[in-house]
Every structure is written in C-alpha cells, then in structure tokens.
C-alpha atoms as a PDB file:
ATOM      1  CA  MET A   1     -24.361  -6.508 -39.083  1.00  0.00           C
ATOM      2  CA  HIS A   2     -26.697  -5.629 -36.245  1.00  0.00           C
ATOM      3  CA  ASN A   3     -27.187  -2.048 -37.459  1.00  0.00           C
ATOM      4  CA  ILE A   4     -28.014  -2.704 -41.097  1.00  0.00           C
ATOM      5  CA  ASP A   5     -31.054  -1.751 -43.134  1.00  0.00           C
ATOM      6  CA  PRO A   6     -32.947  -5.074 -43.484  1.00  0.00           C
ATOM      7  CA  ALA A   7     -34.384  -4.191 -46.913  1.00  0.00           C
ATOM      8  CA  LEU A   8     -30.986  -3.203 -48.306  1.00  0.00           C
ATOM      9  CA  PHE A   9     -29.456  -6.362 -46.850  1.00  0.00           C
ATOM     10  CA  GLU A  10     -32.105  -8.531 -48.535  1.00  0.00           C
ATOM     11  CA  ARG A  11     -31.518  -6.783 -51.871  1.00  0.00           C
ATOM     12  CA  THR A  12     -27.801  -7.457 -51.530  1.00  0.00           C
ATOM     13  CA  MET A  13     -28.487 -11.115 -50.769  1.00  0.00           C
ATOM     14  CA  ALA A  14     -30.767 -11.336 -53.817  1.00  0.00           C
ATOM     15  CA  LEU A  15     -28.032  -9.891 -56.055  1.00  0.00           C
ATOM     16  CA  LEU A  16     -25.549 -12.385 -54.704  1.00  0.00           C
ATOM     17  CA  ARG A  17     -27.994 -15.232 -55.311  1.00  0.00           C
ATOM     18  CA  GLU A  18     -28.531 -14.018 -58.907  1.00  0.00           C
ATOM     19  CA  PHE A  19     -24.772 -13.891 -59.472  1.00  0.00           C
ATOM     20  CA  ASN A  20     -24.670 -17.508 -58.236  1.00  0.00           C
ATOM     21  CA  PRO A  21     -20.942 -17.743 -57.493  1.00  0.00           C
ATOM     22  CA  SER A  22     -19.401 -21.202 -57.263  1.00  0.00           C
ATOM     23  CA  ALA A  23     -17.333 -20.070 -54.256  1.00  0.00           C
ATOM     24  CA  ILE A  24     -17.556 -17.300 -51.645  1.00  0.00           C
ATOM     25  CA  PHE A  25     -14.545 -16.116 -49.694  1.00  0.00           C
ATOM     26  CA  SER A  26     -15.281 -13.880 -46.727  1.00  0.00           C
ATOM     27  CA  THR A  27     -13.190 -12.416 -43.948  1.00  0.00           C
ATOM     28  CA  HIS A  28     -15.131 -14.010 -41.087  1.00  0.00           C
ATOM     29  CA  LEU A  29     -16.231 -17.403 -42.371  1.00  0.00           C
ATOM     30  CA  PRO A  30     -14.477 -20.335 -44.000  1.00  0.00           C
ATOM     31  CA  PRO A  31     -14.633 -20.571 -47.808  1.00  0.00           C
ATOM     32  CA  ALA A  32     -18.056 -21.581 -49.069  1.00  0.00           C
ATOM     33  CA  VAL A  33     -17.394 -23.643 -52.171  1.00  0.00           C
ATOM     34  CA  GLY A  34     -20.611 -24.928 -53.724  1.00  0.00           C
ATOM     35  CA  ARG A  35     -22.528 -23.839 -50.618  1.00  0.00           C
ATOM     36  CA  LEU A  36     -24.217 -20.597 -51.684  1.00  0.00           C
ATOM     37  CA  ASP A  37     -27.592 -21.397 -50.108  1.00  0.00           C
ATOM     38  CA  GLU A  38     -26.013 -22.372 -46.789  1.00  0.00           C
ATOM     39  CA  PHE A  39     -23.830 -19.247 -46.804  1.00  0.00           C
ATOM     40  CA  LEU A  40     -26.777 -16.943 -47.523  1.00  0.00           C
ATOM     41  CA  ASP A  41     -28.952 -18.635 -44.891  1.00  0.00           C
ATOM     42  CA  THR A  42     -26.196 -18.177 -42.301  1.00  0.00           C
ATOM     43  CA  ALA A  43     -25.632 -14.537 -43.257  1.00  0.00           C
ATOM     44  CA  ARG A  44     -29.380 -13.868 -43.162  1.00  0.00           C
ATOM     45  CA  ARG A  45     -29.576 -15.055 -39.519  1.00  0.00           C
ATOM     46  CA  VAL A  46     -26.743 -12.846 -38.247  1.00  0.00           C
ATOM     47  CA  PRO A  47     -28.670  -9.552 -37.783  1.00  0.00           C
ATOM     48  CA  SER A  48     -31.176 -11.248 -35.450  1.00  0.00           C
ATOM     49  CA  THR A  49     -28.543 -12.819 -33.173  1.00  0.00           C
ATOM     50  CA  ALA A  50     -27.165 -11.216 -30.028  1.00  0.00           C
ATOM     51  CA  PRO A  51     -24.105  -9.062 -30.755  1.00  0.00           C
ATOM     52  CA  PHE A  52     -20.754 -10.290 -29.485  1.00  0.00           C
ATOM     53  CA  VAL A  53     -19.567  -8.441 -26.390  1.00  0.00           C
ATOM     54  CA  GLY A  54     -15.885  -8.932 -25.740  1.00  0.00           C
ATOM     55  CA  PRO A  55     -14.173  -8.954 -22.354  1.00  0.00           C
ATOM     56  CA  ASP A  56     -13.568  -5.725 -20.444  1.00  0.00           C
ATOM     57  CA  GLN A  57      -9.994  -4.598 -19.725  1.00  0.00           C
ATOM     58  CA  ALA A  58      -9.700  -6.480 -16.426  1.00  0.00           C
ATOM     59  CA  ALA A  59     -10.960  -9.727 -17.962  1.00  0.00           C
ATOM     60  CA  LEU A  60      -8.652  -9.288 -20.941  1.00  0.00           C
ATOM     61  CA  GLU A  61      -5.629  -8.720 -18.712  1.00  0.00           C
ATOM     62  CA  HIS A  62      -6.518 -11.806 -16.665  1.00  0.00           C
ATOM     63  CA  LEU A  63      -6.881 -13.868 -19.827  1.00  0.00           C
ATOM     64  CA  LEU A  64      -3.556 -12.645 -21.181  1.00  0.00           C
ATOM     65  CA  SER A  65      -1.816 -13.353 -17.875  1.00  0.00           C
ATOM     66  CA  GLN A  66      -2.681 -17.032 -18.367  1.00  0.00           C
ATOM     67  CA  PHE A  67      -0.355 -17.085 -21.385  1.00  0.00           C
ATOM     68  CA  GLU A  68       2.700 -15.669 -19.638  1.00  0.00           C
ATOM     69  CA  PRO A  69       5.482 -18.173 -18.944  1.00  0.00           C
ATOM     70  CA  GLU A  70       6.210 -19.010 -15.341  1.00  0.00           C
ATOM     71  CA  PRO A  71       9.353 -17.426 -13.927  1.00  0.00           C
ATOM     72  CA  ALA A  72      12.481 -19.595 -14.037  1.00  0.00           C
ATOM     73  CA  ARG A  73      13.355 -21.243 -10.734  1.00  0.00           C
END
C-alpha cells in the first residue's frame, strides 16, 4: 500500500463508504463488523506509515534455530 495512487485510493475508500457494508473481511485485519469508519480510518493511515522490512537471511535462520528441539541426551 506504500506505492499506491493516493487519489485512486481515496476514490476506492469513498465507494466503499457509499456501499456501507455491515461487515468487512480482509486478508490482513480481523473482521470489521459494524466498524466501517474505524476500518477506513485505519486503511487510510497505512500508506503514510513506514513499510515493514522483514529479517535478512541470517536473522531468519537465527530465529528459526530457536524453534529447533534440543538434541536428546
């Protein structure tokens, strides 16, 4: 959402507000039942936040190694 056209995004939000759904189900947020305004306000803030930067390969391998069971003694 950090590379979107702001005007197009706002038009999409306006269409969603006009549709006025009683529930919104998205892939990245919990269901928003009866919370349209809160959902749209949250979505509207996303483009101006810092993008998520995941761990590099070394950090990922270290993280995953923490989940490995200890060898049997």
